[in-house]
């Protein structure tokens, strides 16, 4: 699995990493061995589209 840091991460260390496949997996950058959240890829795309739409308003 190839993880990448979210483009919305901040310099103070409050960030998440994501990995894409049939589902999107999310983890805390500072606790890479900790829990992960798995979201179906279509739900993740809908979620991020809604965030983008909200920030454009």
N, C-alpha and C. Protein backbone atom coordinates (compact mmCIF):
# COMPACT_ATOMS: atom_id res chain seq x y z
N UNK A 1 0.85 -1.17 0.00
CA UNK A 1 0.00 0.00 0.00
C UNK A 1 0.89 1.23 0.00
N UNK A 2 0.62 2.14 -0.89
CA UNK A 2 1.38 3.38 -0.95
C UNK A 2 0.59 4.50 -0.27
N UNK A 3 1.13 5.02 0.82
CA UNK A 3 0.49 6.08 1.58
C UNK A 3 1.02 7.43 1.12
N UNK A 4 0.16 8.45 1.13
CA UNK A 4 0.59 9.82 0.85
C UNK A 4 -0.05 10.76 1.85
N UNK A 5 0.65 11.82 2.15
CA UNK A 5 0.14 12.80 3.11
C UNK A 5 -0.92 13.65 2.43
N UNK A 6 -1.98 13.91 3.14
CA UNK A 6 -3.06 14.75 2.63
C UNK A 6 -2.52 16.13 2.26
N UNK A 7 -3.01 16.68 1.16
CA UNK A 7 -2.58 18.01 0.74
C UNK A 7 -3.07 19.09 1.69
N UNK A 8 -4.00 18.75 2.57
CA UNK A 8 -4.53 19.73 3.53
C UNK A 8 -3.89 19.59 4.90
N UNK A 9 -2.82 18.82 4.98
CA UNK A 9 -2.10 18.68 6.24
C UNK A 9 -1.40 19.99 6.57
N UNK A 10 -1.19 20.21 7.86
CA UNK A 10 -0.55 21.45 8.30
C UNK A 10 0.82 21.16 8.90
N UNK A 11 1.63 22.17 8.99
CA UNK A 11 3.01 22.04 9.44
C UNK A 11 3.15 21.63 10.90
N UNK A 12 2.13 21.85 11.74
CA UNK A 12 2.25 21.55 13.17
C UNK A 12 2.14 20.06 13.48
N UNK A 13 2.05 19.22 12.46
CA UNK A 13 1.98 17.78 12.66
C UNK A 13 0.58 17.23 12.69
N UNK A 14 -0.43 18.09 12.63
CA UNK A 14 -1.82 17.62 12.58
C UNK A 14 -2.16 17.27 11.15
N UNK A 15 -1.89 16.02 10.81
CA UNK A 15 -2.14 15.63 9.42
C UNK A 15 -2.53 14.17 9.35
N UNK A 16 -3.06 13.80 8.22
CA UNK A 16 -3.42 12.41 7.96
C UNK A 16 -2.77 11.97 6.67
N UNK A 17 -2.66 10.65 6.51
CA UNK A 17 -2.16 10.07 5.28
C UNK A 17 -3.29 9.25 4.68
N UNK A 18 -3.32 9.16 3.36
CA UNK A 18 -4.34 8.38 2.67
C UNK A 18 -3.69 7.42 1.70
N UNK A 19 -4.36 6.30 1.46
CA UNK A 19 -3.94 5.33 0.47
C UNK A 19 -5.18 4.94 -0.31
N UNK A 20 -5.06 4.87 -1.61
CA UNK A 20 -6.22 4.59 -2.44
C UNK A 20 -6.16 3.18 -3.04
N UNK A 21 -7.30 2.57 -3.13
CA UNK A 21 -7.49 1.27 -3.78
C UNK A 21 -8.99 1.20 -4.07
N UNK A 22 -9.61 0.05 -3.91
CA UNK A 22 -11.06 -0.04 -4.04
C UNK A 22 -11.70 0.77 -2.92
N UNK A 23 -10.93 0.95 -1.86
CA UNK A 23 -11.35 1.77 -0.73
C UNK A 23 -10.22 2.74 -0.42
N UNK A 24 -10.53 3.78 0.30
CA UNK A 24 -9.53 4.75 0.73
C UNK A 24 -9.27 4.48 2.21
N UNK A 25 -7.99 4.36 2.55
CA UNK A 25 -7.62 4.13 3.95
C UNK A 25 -6.99 5.40 4.49
N UNK A 26 -7.32 5.73 5.74
CA UNK A 26 -6.87 6.97 6.36
C UNK A 26 -6.21 6.61 7.69
N UNK A 27 -5.06 7.25 7.97
CA UNK A 27 -4.39 7.02 9.26
C UNK A 27 -3.75 8.30 9.74
N UNK A 28 -3.44 8.34 11.02
CA UNK A 28 -2.76 9.46 11.64
C UNK A 28 -1.26 9.37 11.31
N UNK A 29 -0.69 10.42 10.77
CA UNK A 29 0.72 10.43 10.41
C UNK A 29 1.61 10.17 11.61
N UNK A 30 1.21 10.61 12.78
CA UNK A 30 2.05 10.45 13.96
C UNK A 30 1.86 9.09 14.64
N UNK A 31 0.93 8.28 14.17
CA UNK A 31 0.69 6.96 14.74
C UNK A 31 0.45 5.97 13.61
N UNK A 32 1.46 5.76 12.79
CA UNK A 32 1.31 4.92 11.60
C UNK A 32 0.99 3.47 11.90
N UNK A 33 1.27 3.00 13.10
CA UNK A 33 0.93 1.63 13.47
C UNK A 33 -0.42 1.54 14.16
N UNK A 34 -1.08 2.67 14.32
CA UNK A 34 -2.37 2.71 14.99
C UNK A 34 -3.51 2.34 14.06
N UNK A 35 -4.68 2.71 14.46
CA UNK A 35 -5.90 2.37 13.72
C UNK A 35 -5.96 3.06 12.36
N UNK A 36 -6.66 2.43 11.45
CA UNK A 36 -6.94 3.04 10.14
C UNK A 36 -8.45 3.07 9.95
N UNK A 37 -8.87 4.05 9.19
CA UNK A 37 -10.27 4.18 8.82
C UNK A 37 -10.36 3.81 7.34
N UNK A 38 -11.24 2.89 6.99
CA UNK A 38 -11.40 2.47 5.60
C UNK A 38 -12.76 2.94 5.10
N UNK A 39 -12.75 3.65 3.97
CA UNK A 39 -13.97 4.22 3.39
C UNK A 39 -14.05 3.76 1.94
N UNK A 40 -15.21 3.31 1.47
CA UNK A 40 -15.34 2.95 0.06
C UNK A 40 -14.96 4.15 -0.82
N UNK A 41 -14.22 3.88 -1.89
CA UNK A 41 -13.72 4.96 -2.76
C UNK A 41 -14.83 5.90 -3.24
N UNK A 42 -16.00 5.40 -3.69
CA UNK A 42 -17.05 6.34 -4.13
C UNK A 42 -17.53 7.26 -3.00
N UNK A 43 -17.60 6.75 -1.78
CA UNK A 43 -18.02 7.58 -0.65
C UNK A 43 -16.97 8.65 -0.36
N UNK A 44 -15.69 8.29 -0.47
CA UNK A 44 -14.60 9.26 -0.25
C UNK A 44 -14.66 10.37 -1.29
N UNK A 45 -14.88 10.00 -2.56
CA UNK A 45 -14.98 11.01 -3.62
C UNK A 45 -16.15 11.96 -3.37
N UNK A 46 -17.29 11.42 -2.94
CA UNK A 46 -18.45 12.25 -2.63
C UNK A 46 -18.15 13.18 -1.46
N UNK A 47 -17.48 12.66 -0.44
CA UNK A 47 -17.12 13.45 0.74
C UNK A 47 -16.19 14.60 0.35
N UNK A 48 -15.13 14.32 -0.40
CA UNK A 48 -14.20 15.37 -0.77
C UNK A 48 -14.82 16.37 -1.75
N UNK A 49 -15.72 15.90 -2.61
CA UNK A 49 -16.41 16.83 -3.51
C UNK A 49 -17.28 17.80 -2.74
N UNK A 50 -17.95 17.29 -1.70
CA UNK A 50 -18.79 18.16 -0.86
C UNK A 50 -17.95 19.18 -0.11
N UNK A 51 -16.79 18.78 0.37
CA UNK A 51 -15.90 19.72 1.05
C UNK A 51 -15.45 20.80 0.08
N UNK A 52 -15.04 20.40 -1.13
CA UNK A 52 -14.62 21.39 -2.13
C UNK A 52 -15.75 22.35 -2.47
N UNK A 53 -16.95 21.82 -2.63
CA UNK A 53 -18.11 22.66 -2.96
C UNK A 53 -18.40 23.64 -1.83
N UNK A 54 -18.29 23.17 -0.60
CA UNK A 54 -18.54 24.04 0.56
C UNK A 54 -17.51 25.14 0.69
N UNK A 55 -16.26 24.84 0.37
CA UNK A 55 -15.21 25.88 0.50
C UNK A 55 -15.29 26.89 -0.64
N UNK A 56 -15.98 26.55 -1.72
CA UNK A 56 -16.13 27.47 -2.85
C UNK A 56 -17.28 28.45 -2.62
N UNK A 57 -18.12 28.16 -1.64
CA UNK A 57 -19.30 29.03 -1.39
C UNK A 57 -18.92 30.28 -0.66
